[in-house]
PDB file of all heavy atoms in Angstrom:
ATOM      1  N   ILE A   1     104.219 208.653 147.453  1.00  0.00           N
ATOM      2  CA  ILE A   1     102.959 209.013 148.077  1.00  0.00           C
ATOM      3  C   ILE A   1     102.133 207.705 148.440  1.00  0.00           C
ATOM      4  O   ILE A   1     101.687 207.601 149.548  1.00  0.00           O
ATOM      5  CB  ILE A   1     102.040 209.858 147.181  1.00  0.00           C
ATOM      6  CG1 ILE A   1     102.685 211.256 146.919  1.00  0.00           C
ATOM      7  CG2 ILE A   1     100.609 210.207 147.869  1.00  0.00           C
ATOM      8  CD1 ILE A   1     102.031 212.123 145.836  1.00  0.00           C
ATOM      9  N   ARG A   2     102.187 206.689 147.500  1.00  0.00           N
ATOM     10  CA  ARG A   2     101.417 205.507 147.948  1.00  0.00           C
ATOM     11  C   ARG A   2     102.080 204.867 149.114  1.00  0.00           C
ATOM     12  O   ARG A   2     101.420 204.271 149.974  1.00  0.00           O
ATOM     13  CB  ARG A   2     101.523 204.605 146.665  1.00  0.00           C
ATOM     14  CG  ARG A   2     100.536 203.554 146.696  1.00  0.00           C
ATOM     15  CD  ARG A   2     100.494 202.656 145.383  1.00  0.00           C
ATOM     16  NE  ARG A   2      99.674 203.289 144.311  1.00  0.00           N
ATOM     17  CZ  ARG A   2     100.306 203.750 143.144  1.00  0.00           C
ATOM     18  NH1 ARG A   2     101.598 203.689 142.900  1.00  0.00           N
ATOM     19  NH2 ARG A   2      99.461 204.331 142.178  1.00  0.00           N
ATOM     20  N   ARG A   3     103.393 204.780 149.076  1.00  0.00           N
ATOM     21  CA  ARG A   3     104.098 204.158 150.159  1.00  0.00           C
ATOM     22  C   ARG A   3     103.628 204.856 151.553  1.00  0.00           C
ATOM     23  O   ARG A   3     103.475 204.241 152.611  1.00  0.00           O
ATOM     24  CB  ARG A   3     105.594 204.189 150.112  1.00  0.00           C
ATOM     25  CG  ARG A   3     106.128 203.118 149.158  1.00  0.00           C
ATOM     26  CD  ARG A   3     107.593 203.007 149.392  1.00  0.00           C
ATOM     27  NE  ARG A   3     108.311 204.148 148.982  1.00  0.00           N
ATOM     28  CZ  ARG A   3     108.744 204.523 147.752  1.00  0.00           C
ATOM     29  NH1 ARG A   3     108.532 203.703 146.770  1.00  0.00           N
ATOM     30  NH2 ARG A   3     109.390 205.661 147.550  1.00  0.00           N
ATOM     31  N   ALA A   4     103.611 206.141 151.485  1.00  0.00           N
ATOM     32  CA  ALA A   4     103.238 206.981 152.647  1.00  0.00           C
ATOM     33  C   ALA A   4     101.763 206.656 153.146  1.00  0.00           C
ATOM     34  O   ALA A   4     101.473 206.580 154.347  1.00  0.00           O
ATOM     35  CB  ALA A   4     103.461 208.469 152.513  1.00  0.00           C
ATOM     36  N   ILE A   5     100.940 206.547 152.149  1.00  0.00           N
ATOM     37  CA  ILE A   5      99.529 206.144 152.564  1.00  0.00           C
ATOM     38  C   ILE A   5      99.434 204.816 153.142  1.00  0.00           C
ATOM     39  O   ILE A   5      98.800 204.680 154.189  1.00  0.00           O
ATOM     40  CB  ILE A   5      98.630 206.273 151.213  1.00  0.00           C
ATOM     41  CG1 ILE A   5      98.500 207.650 150.632  1.00  0.00           C
ATOM     42  CG2 ILE A   5      97.302 205.732 151.529  1.00  0.00           C
ATOM     43  CD1 ILE A   5      98.014 207.723 149.231  1.00  0.00           C
ATOM     44  N   LEU A   6     100.089 203.850 152.570  1.00  0.00           N
ATOM     45  CA  LEU A   6     100.080 202.437 153.094  1.00  0.00           C
ATOM     46  C   LEU A   6     100.744 202.432 154.427  1.00  0.00           C
ATOM     47  O   LEU A   6     100.326 201.692 155.332  1.00  0.00           O
ATOM     48  CB  LEU A   6     100.651 201.425 152.103  1.00  0.00           C
ATOM     49  CG  LEU A   6      99.910 201.419 150.739  1.00  0.00           C
ATOM     50  CD1 LEU A   6     100.691 200.487 149.820  1.00  0.00           C
ATOM     51  CD2 LEU A   6      98.547 200.892 150.912  1.00  0.00           C
ATOM     52  N   SER A   7     101.759 203.153 154.715  1.00  0.00           N
ATOM     53  CA  SER A   7     102.380 203.232 155.928  1.00  0.00           C
ATOM     54  C   SER A   7     101.530 203.718 156.981  1.00  0.00           C
ATOM     55  O   SER A   7     101.417 203.232 158.152  1.00  0.00           O
ATOM     56  CB  SER A   7     103.643 204.056 155.802  1.00  0.00           C
ATOM     57  OG  SER A   7     104.253 204.204 157.080  1.00  0.00           O
ATOM     58  N   THR A   8     100.719 204.757 156.635  1.00  0.00           N
ATOM     59  CA  THR A   8      99.796 205.281 157.697  1.00  0.00           C
ATOM     60  C   THR A   8      98.630 204.310 157.953  1.00  0.00           C
ATOM     61  O   THR A   8      98.283 204.228 159.197  1.00  0.00           O
ATOM     62  CB  THR A   8      99.164 206.685 157.136  1.00  0.00           C
ATOM     63  OG1 THR A   8     100.247 207.659 157.011  1.00  0.00           O
ATOM     64  CG2 THR A   8      98.104 207.152 157.963  1.00  0.00           C
ATOM     65  N   ILE A   9      98.349 203.580 156.992  1.00  0.00           N
ATOM     66  CA  ILE A   9      97.143 202.604 157.210  1.00  0.00           C
ATOM     67  C   ILE A   9      97.742 201.445 158.040  1.00  0.00           C
ATOM     68  O   ILE A   9      97.065 200.964 158.896  1.00  0.00           O
ATOM     69  CB  ILE A   9      96.521 202.243 155.992  1.00  0.00           C
ATOM     70  CG1 ILE A   9      95.901 203.288 155.186  1.00  0.00           C
ATOM     71  CG2 ILE A   9      95.570 200.936 156.099  1.00  0.00           C
ATOM     72  CD1 ILE A   9      95.378 202.969 153.790  1.00  0.00           C
ATOM     73  N   THR A  10      98.763 200.890 157.650  1.00  0.00           N
ATOM     74  CA  THR A  10      99.234 199.555 158.104  1.00  0.00           C
ATOM     75  C   THR A  10     100.228 199.720 159.400  1.00  0.00           C
ATOM     76  O   THR A  10     100.206 198.871 160.140  1.00  0.00           O
ATOM     77  CB  THR A  10      99.912 198.765 156.982  1.00  0.00           C
ATOM     78  OG1 THR A  10     101.063 199.432 156.518  1.00  0.00           O
ATOM     79  CG2 THR A  10      98.973 198.588 155.880  1.00  0.00           C
ATOM     80  N   GLU A  11     101.048 200.751 159.397  1.00  0.00           N
ATOM     81  CA  GLU A  11     101.938 200.734 160.431  1.00  0.00           C
ATOM     82  C   GLU A  11     101.671 201.799 161.513  1.00  0.00           C
ATOM     83  O   GLU A  11     101.644 201.349 162.609  1.00  0.00           O
ATOM     84  CB  GLU A  11     103.486 201.090 159.813  1.00  0.00           C
ATOM     85  CG  GLU A  11     103.953 200.107 158.877  1.00  0.00           C
ATOM     86  CD  GLU A  11     105.206 200.521 158.090  1.00  0.00           C
ATOM     87  OE1 GLU A  11     105.869 201.449 158.565  1.00  0.00           O
ATOM     88  OE2 GLU A  11     105.543 199.951 157.124  1.00  0.00           O
ATOM     89  N   THR A  12     101.304 203.010 160.996  1.00  0.00           N
ATOM     90  CA  THR A  12     100.846 204.034 162.045  1.00  0.00           C
ATOM     91  C   THR A  12      99.493 203.657 162.606  1.00  0.00           C
ATOM     92  O   THR A  12      99.120 203.906 163.777  1.00  0.00           O
ATOM     93  CB  THR A  12     100.755 205.436 161.368  1.00  0.00           C
ATOM     94  OG1 THR A  12     102.079 205.657 160.736  1.00  0.00           O
ATOM     95  CG2 THR A  12     100.619 206.523 162.540  1.00  0.00           C
ATOM     96  N   ARG A  13      98.710 202.998 161.752  1.00  0.00           N
ATOM     97  CA  ARG A  13      97.418 202.595 162.018  1.00  0.00           C
ATOM     98  C   ARG A  13      96.446 203.695 162.630  1.00  0.00           C
ATOM     99  O   ARG A  13      95.670 203.529 163.499  1.00  0.00           O
ATOM    100  CB  ARG A  13      97.344 201.420 163.125  1.00  0.00           C
ATOM    101  CG  ARG A  13      97.740 200.099 162.515  1.00  0.00           C
ATOM    102  CD  ARG A  13      97.746 198.951 163.573  1.00  0.00           C
ATOM    103  NE  ARG A  13      98.080 197.634 163.011  1.00  0.00           N
ATOM    104  CZ  ARG A  13      97.284 196.907 162.445  1.00  0.00           C
ATOM    105  NH1 ARG A  13      95.975 197.133 162.262  1.00  0.00           N
ATOM    106  NH2 ARG A  13      97.723 195.735 161.863  1.00  0.00           N
ATOM    107  N   LEU A  14      96.645 204.883 161.882  1.00  0.00           N
ATOM    108  CA  LEU A  14      95.798 205.945 162.118  1.00  0.00           C
ATOM    109  C   LEU A  14      94.602 205.877 161.164  1.00  0.00           C
ATOM    110  O   LEU A  14      94.802 206.108 159.936  1.00  0.00           O
ATOM    111  CB  LEU A  14      96.602 207.317 161.919  1.00  0.00           C
ATOM    112  CG  LEU A  14      95.773 208.531 162.023  1.00  0.00           C
ATOM    113  CD1 LEU A  14      95.242 208.721 163.475  1.00  0.00           C
ATOM    114  CD2 LEU A  14      96.658 209.757 161.775  1.00  0.00           C
ATOM    115  N   HIS A  15      93.420 205.494 161.594  1.00  0.00           N
ATOM    116  CA  HIS A  15      92.288 205.202 160.851  1.00  0.00           C
ATOM    117  C   HIS A  15      91.206 206.233 161.096  1.00  0.00           C
ATOM    118  O   HIS A  15      90.989 206.717 162.314  1.00  0.00           O
ATOM    119  CB  HIS A  15      91.773 203.851 161.133  1.00  0.00           C
ATOM    120  CG  HIS A  15      92.690 202.824 160.630  1.00  0.00           C
ATOM    121  ND1 HIS A  15      92.612 201.435 160.981  1.00  0.00           N
ATOM    122  CD2 HIS A  15      93.793 202.904 159.884  1.00  0.00           C
ATOM    123  CE1 HIS A  15      93.482 200.720 160.399  1.00  0.00           C
ATOM    124  NE2 HIS A  15      94.271 201.487 159.815  1.00  0.00           N
ATOM    125  N   THR A  16      90.436 206.586 160.046  1.00  0.00           N
ATOM    126  CA  THR A  16      89.183 207.481 160.322  1.00  0.00           C
ATOM    127  C   THR A  16      88.037 206.486 160.737  1.00  0.00           C
ATOM    128  O   THR A  16      88.254 205.272 160.857  1.00  0.00           O
ATOM    129  CB  THR A  16      88.823 208.082 158.877  1.00  0.00           C
ATOM    130  OG1 THR A  16      88.979 207.127 157.802  1.00  0.00           O
ATOM    131  CG2 THR A  16      89.793 209.330 158.708  1.00  0.00           C
ATOM    132  N   ALA A  17      86.914 207.099 161.051  1.00  0.00           N
ATOM    133  CA  ALA A  17      85.823 206.375 161.733  1.00  0.00           C
ATOM    134  C   ALA A  17      85.325 205.239 160.875  1.00  0.00           C
ATOM    135  O   ALA A  17      84.880 204.292 161.319  1.00  0.00           O
ATOM    136  CB  ALA A  17      84.616 207.419 161.976  1.00  0.00           C
ATOM    137  N   ASP A  18      85.355 205.419 159.556  1.00  0.00           N
ATOM    138  CA  ASP A  18      84.869 204.325 158.619  1.00  0.00           C
ATOM    139  C   ASP A  18      85.587 203.010 158.783  1.00  0.00           C
ATOM    140  O   ASP A  18      85.019 201.948 158.447  1.00  0.00           O
ATOM    141  CB  ASP A  18      84.818 204.747 157.160  1.00  0.00           C
ATOM    142  CG  ASP A  18      86.210 205.193 156.649  1.00  0.00           C
ATOM    143  OD1 ASP A  18      86.986 205.937 157.342  1.00  0.00           O
ATOM    144  OD2 ASP A  18      86.644 204.772 155.600  1.00  0.00           O
ATOM    145  N   LEU A  19      86.845 203.145 159.223  1.00  0.00           N
ATOM    146  CA  LEU A  19      87.596 201.936 159.528  1.00  0.00           C
ATOM    147  C   LEU A  19      87.662 201.571 160.975  1.00  0.00           C
ATOM    148  O   LEU A  19      88.466 200.783 161.376  1.00  0.00           O
ATOM    149  CB  LEU A  19      89.074 202.137 158.991  1.00  0.00           C
ATOM    150  CG  LEU A  19      89.119 202.458 157.492  1.00  0.00           C
ATOM    151  CD1 LEU A  19      90.735 202.630 157.149  1.00  0.00           C
ATOM    152  CD2 LEU A  19      88.507 201.364 156.633  1.00  0.00           C
ATOM    153  N   GLY A  20      86.828 202.169 161.760  1.00  0.00           N
ATOM    154  CA  GLY A  20      86.786 201.925 163.111  1.00  0.00           C
ATOM    155  C   GLY A  20      87.776 202.718 164.055  1.00  0.00           C
ATOM    156  O   GLY A  20      87.933 202.433 165.232  1.00  0.00           O
ATOM    157  N   GLY A  21      88.352 203.665 163.411  1.00  0.00           N
ATOM    158  CA  GLY A  21      89.329 204.563 164.249  1.00  0.00           C
ATOM    159  C   GLY A  21      88.770 205.848 164.567  1.00  0.00           C
ATOM    160  O   GLY A  21      87.613 206.011 164.542  1.00  0.00           O
ATOM    161  N   GLN A  22      89.636 206.641 165.164  1.00  0.00           N
ATOM    162  CA  GLN A  22      89.224 207.979 165.734  1.00  0.00           C
ATOM    163  C   GLN A  22      89.942 209.126 165.082  1.00  0.00           C
ATOM    164  O   GLN A  22      89.860 210.356 165.544  1.00  0.00           O
ATOM    165  CB  GLN A  22      89.371 208.032 167.323  1.00  0.00           C
ATOM    166  CG  GLN A  22      88.519 206.974 167.976  1.00  0.00           C
ATOM    167  CD  GLN A  22      88.629 207.001 169.512  1.00  0.00           C
ATOM    168  OE1 GLN A  22      89.735 207.535 169.981  1.00  0.00           O
ATOM    169  NE2 GLN A  22      87.670 206.673 170.247  1.00  0.00           N
ATOM    170  N   GLY A  23      90.734 208.769 164.081  1.00  0.00           N
ATOM    171  CA  GLY A  23      91.505 209.826 163.463  1.00  0.00           C
ATOM    172  C   GLY A  23      90.583 210.736 162.476  1.00  0.00           C
ATOM    173  O   GLY A  23      89.703 210.253 161.945  1.00  0.00           O
ATOM    174  N   SER A  24      91.005 212.027 162.436  1.00  0.00           N
ATOM    175  CA  SER A  24      90.313 212.908 161.565  1.00  0.00           C
ATOM    176  C   SER A  24      90.921 213.003 160.154  1.00  0.00           C
ATOM    177  O   SER A  24      92.030 212.416 159.964  1.00  0.00           O
ATOM    178  CB  SER A  24      90.355 214.313 162.083  1.00  0.00           C
ATOM    179  OG  SER A  24      91.724 214.901 162.171  1.00  0.00           O
ATOM    180  N   THR A  25      90.099 213.568 159.332  1.00  0.00           N
ATOM    181  CA  THR A  25      90.876 213.631 157.920  1.00  0.00           C
ATOM    182  C   THR A  25      92.076 214.307 157.996  1.00  0.00           C
ATOM    183  O   THR A  25      93.086 213.870 157.363  1.00  0.00           O
ATOM    184  CB  THR A  25      89.753 214.436 156.988  1.00  0.00           C
ATOM    185  OG1 THR A  25      88.539 213.861 157.143  1.00  0.00           O
ATOM    186  CG2 THR A  25      90.199 214.464 155.621  1.00  0.00           C
ATOM    187  N   SER A  26      92.145 215.528 158.559  1.00  0.00           N
ATOM    188  CA  SER A  26      93.423 216.340 158.689  1.00  0.00           C
ATOM    189  C   SER A  26      94.489 215.639 159.278  1.00  0.00           C
ATOM    190  O   SER A  26      95.676 215.703 158.875  1.00  0.00           O
ATOM    191  CB  SER A  26      93.119 217.666 159.224  1.00  0.00           C
ATOM    192  OG  SER A  26      92.555 217.539 160.531  1.00  0.00           O
ATOM    193  N   GLU A  27      94.279 214.774 160.378  1.00  0.00           N
ATOM    194  CA  GLU A  27      95.261 214.025 161.088  1.00  0.00           C
ATOM    195  C   GLU A  27      95.791 212.917 160.130  1.00  0.00           C
ATOM    196  O   GLU A  27      97.059 212.678 160.181  1.00  0.00           O
ATOM    197  CB  GLU A  27      94.641 213.383 162.324  1.00  0.00           C
ATOM    198  CG  GLU A  27      94.440 214.409 163.504  1.00  0.00           C
ATOM    199  CD  GLU A  27      93.762 213.756 164.642  1.00  0.00           C
ATOM    200  OE1 GLU A  27      93.022 212.744 164.463  1.00  0.00           O
ATOM    201  OE2 GLU A  27      93.755 214.478 165.657  1.00  0.00           O
ATOM    202  N   VAL A  28      94.978 212.283 159.340  1.00  0.00           N
ATOM    203  CA  VAL A  28      95.395 211.197 158.461  1.00  0.00           C
ATOM    204  C   VAL A  28      96.331 211.958 157.287  1.00  0.00           C
ATOM    205  O   VAL A  28      97.409 211.375 157.096  1.00  0.00           O
ATOM    206  CB  VAL A  28      94.281 210.525 157.725  1.00  0.00           C
ATOM    207  CG1 VAL A  28      94.736 209.547 156.738  1.00  0.00           C
ATOM    208  CG2 VAL A  28      93.499 209.703 158.918  1.00  0.00           C
ATOM    209  N   VAL A  29      95.815 213.039 156.820  1.00  0.00           N
ATOM    210  CA  VAL A  29      96.601 213.652 155.785  1.00  0.00           C
ATOM    211  C   VAL A  29      98.013 214.120 156.392  1.00  0.00           C
ATOM    212  O   VAL A  29      98.972 213.967 155.644  1.00  0.00           O
ATOM    213  CB  VAL A  29      95.822 214.910 155.195  1.00  0.00           C
ATOM    214  CG1 VAL A  29      96.736 215.760 154.336  1.00  0.00           C
ATOM    215  CG2 VAL A  29      94.634 214.420 154.491  1.00  0.00           C
ATOM    216  N   GLN A  30      97.951 214.645 157.598  1.00  0.00           N
ATOM    217  CA  GLN A  30      99.200 215.124 158.113  1.00  0.00           C
ATOM    218  C   GLN A  30     100.212 213.977 158.407  1.00  0.00           C
ATOM    219  O   GLN A  30     101.460 214.143 158.072  1.00  0.00           O
ATOM    220  CB  GLN A  30      98.995 215.785 159.472  1.00  0.00           C
ATOM    221  CG  GLN A  30     100.195 216.442 160.003  1.00  0.00           C
ATOM    222  CD  GLN A  30     100.796 217.564 159.141  1.00  0.00           C
ATOM    223  OE1 GLN A  30     100.153 218.490 158.802  1.00  0.00           O
ATOM    224  NE2 GLN A  30     102.147 217.410 158.917  1.00  0.00           N
ATOM    225  N   SER A  31      99.750 212.822 158.776  1.00  0.00           N
ATOM    226  CA  SER A  31     100.583 211.649 158.969  1.00  0.00           C
ATOM    227  C   SER A  31     101.126 211.221 157.622  1.00  0.00           C
ATOM    228  O   SER A  31     102.322 210.868 157.601  1.00  0.00           O
ATOM    229  CB  SER A  31      99.732 210.535 159.553  1.00  0.00           C
ATOM    230  OG  SER A  31     100.409 209.363 159.624  1.00  0.00           O
ATOM    231  N   ILE A  32     100.318 211.257 156.621  1.00  0.00           N
ATOM    232  CA  ILE A  32     100.860 210.849 155.245  1.00  0.00           C
ATOM    233  C   ILE A  32     101.884 211.820 154.787  1.00  0.00           C
ATOM    234  O   ILE A  32     102.920 211.504 154.346  1.00  0.00           O
ATOM    235  CB  ILE A  32      99.674 210.854 154.213  1.00  0.00           C
ATOM    236  CG1 ILE A  32      98.834 209.751 154.576  1.00  0.00           C
ATOM    237  CG2 ILE A  32     100.223 210.701 152.753  1.00  0.00           C
ATOM    238  CD1 ILE A  32      97.430 209.680 153.908  1.00  0.00           C
ATOM    239  N   MET A  33     101.685 213.183 155.014  1.00  0.00           N
ATOM    240  CA  MET A  33     102.673 214.132 154.705  1.00  0.00           C
ATOM    241  C   MET A  33     103.974 213.856 155.401  1.00  0.00           C
ATOM    242  O   MET A  33     105.041 214.132 154.926  1.00  0.00           O
ATOM    243  CB  MET A  33     102.032 215.578 155.030  1.00  0.00           C
ATOM    244  CG  MET A  33     100.954 215.965 154.066  1.00  0.00           C
ATOM    245  SD  MET A  33     100.204 217.533 154.538  1.00  0.00           S
ATOM    246  CE  MET A  33     101.444 218.626 154.554  1.00  0.00           C
ATOM    247  N   ASN A  34     103.778 213.528 156.730  1.00  0.00           N
ATOM    248  CA  ASN A  34     104.937 213.316 157.569  1.00  0.00           C
ATOM    249  C   ASN A  34     105.799 212.172 157.033  1.00  0.00           C
ATOM    250  O   ASN A  34     106.995 212.184 157.011  1.00  0.00           O
ATOM    251  CB  ASN A  34     104.576 213.114 159.025  1.00  0.00           C
ATOM    252  CG  ASN A  34     104.152 214.317 159.700  1.00  0.00           C
ATOM    253  OD1 ASN A  34     104.270 215.421 159.304  1.00  0.00           O
ATOM    254  ND2 ASN A  34     103.387 214.095 160.818  1.00  0.00           N
ATOM    255  N   ALA A  35     105.091 211.203 156.565  1.00  0.00           N
ATOM    256  CA  ALA A  35     105.818 209.913 155.963  1.00  0.00           C
ATOM    257  C   ALA A  35     106.494 210.187 154.668  1.00  0.00           C
ATOM    258  O   ALA A  35     107.523 209.826 154.533  1.00  0.00           O
ATOM    259  CB  ALA A  35     104.651 208.867 155.814  1.00  0.00           C
ATOM    260  N   VAL A  36     105.716 211.087 153.865  1.00  0.00           N
ATOM    261  CA  VAL A  36     106.410 211.569 152.598  1.00  0.00           C
ATOM    262  C   VAL A  36     107.764 212.380 152.879  1.00  0.00           C
ATOM    263  O   VAL A  36     108.748 212.073 152.348  1.00  0.00           O
ATOM    264  CB  VAL A  36     105.537 212.497 151.778  1.00  0.00           C
ATOM    265  CG1 VAL A  36     106.250 213.182 150.583  1.00  0.00           C
ATOM    266  CG2 VAL A  36     104.306 211.604 151.251  1.00  0.00           C
ATOM    267  N   GLN A  37     107.610 213.297 153.812  1.00  0.00           N
ATOM    268  CA  GLN A  37     108.874 214.161 154.155  1.00  0.00           C
ATOM    269  C   GLN A  37     109.939 213.347 154.814  1.00  0.00           C
ATOM    270  O   GLN A  37     111.154 213.560 154.557  1.00  0.00           O
ATOM    271  CB  GLN A  37     108.345 215.198 155.154  1.00  0.00           C
ATOM    272  CG  GLN A  37     107.441 216.217 154.575  1.00  0.00           C
ATOM    273  CD  GLN A  37     106.776 217.122 155.484  1.00  0.00           C
ATOM    274  OE1 GLN A  37     106.820 216.947 156.775  1.00  0.00           O
ATOM    275  NE2 GLN A  37     106.027 218.143 154.948  1.00  0.00           N
ATOM    276  N   SER A  38     109.540 212.213 155.501  1.00  0.00           N
ATOM    277  CA  SER A  38     110.602 211.298 156.190  1.00  0.00           C
ATOM    278  C   SER A  38     111.359 210.624 155.109  1.00  0.00           C
ATOM    279  O   SER A  38     112.546 210.036 155.421  1.00  0.00           O
ATOM    280  CB  SER A  38     110.027 210.489 157.105  1.00  0.00           C
ATOM    281  OG  SER A  38     109.283 209.462 156.414  1.00  0.00           O
ATOM    282  N   THR A  39     110.935 210.460 153.921  1.00  0.00           N
ATOM    283  CA  THR A  39     111.555 209.697 152.857  1.00  0.00           C
ATOM    284  C   THR A  39     112.736 210.486 152.128  1.00  0.00           C
ATOM    285  O   THR A  39     113.467 209.916 151.347  1.00  0.00           O
ATOM    286  CB  THR A  39     110.592 209.211 151.827  1.00  0.00           C
ATOM    287  OG1 THR A  39     110.186 210.296 151.162  1.00  0.00           O
ATOM    288  CG2 THR A  39     109.472 208.382 152.401  1.00  0.00           C
TER     289      THR A  39
END
């Protein structure tokens, strides 16, 4: 799970508004889930 989270932050670069991005909570969670499933 930690690798999937860091992948979303650093590689996919899907960020919520607090980090200057436009991603929603659910979009970030879905991206992390996709990264987990891809492993």
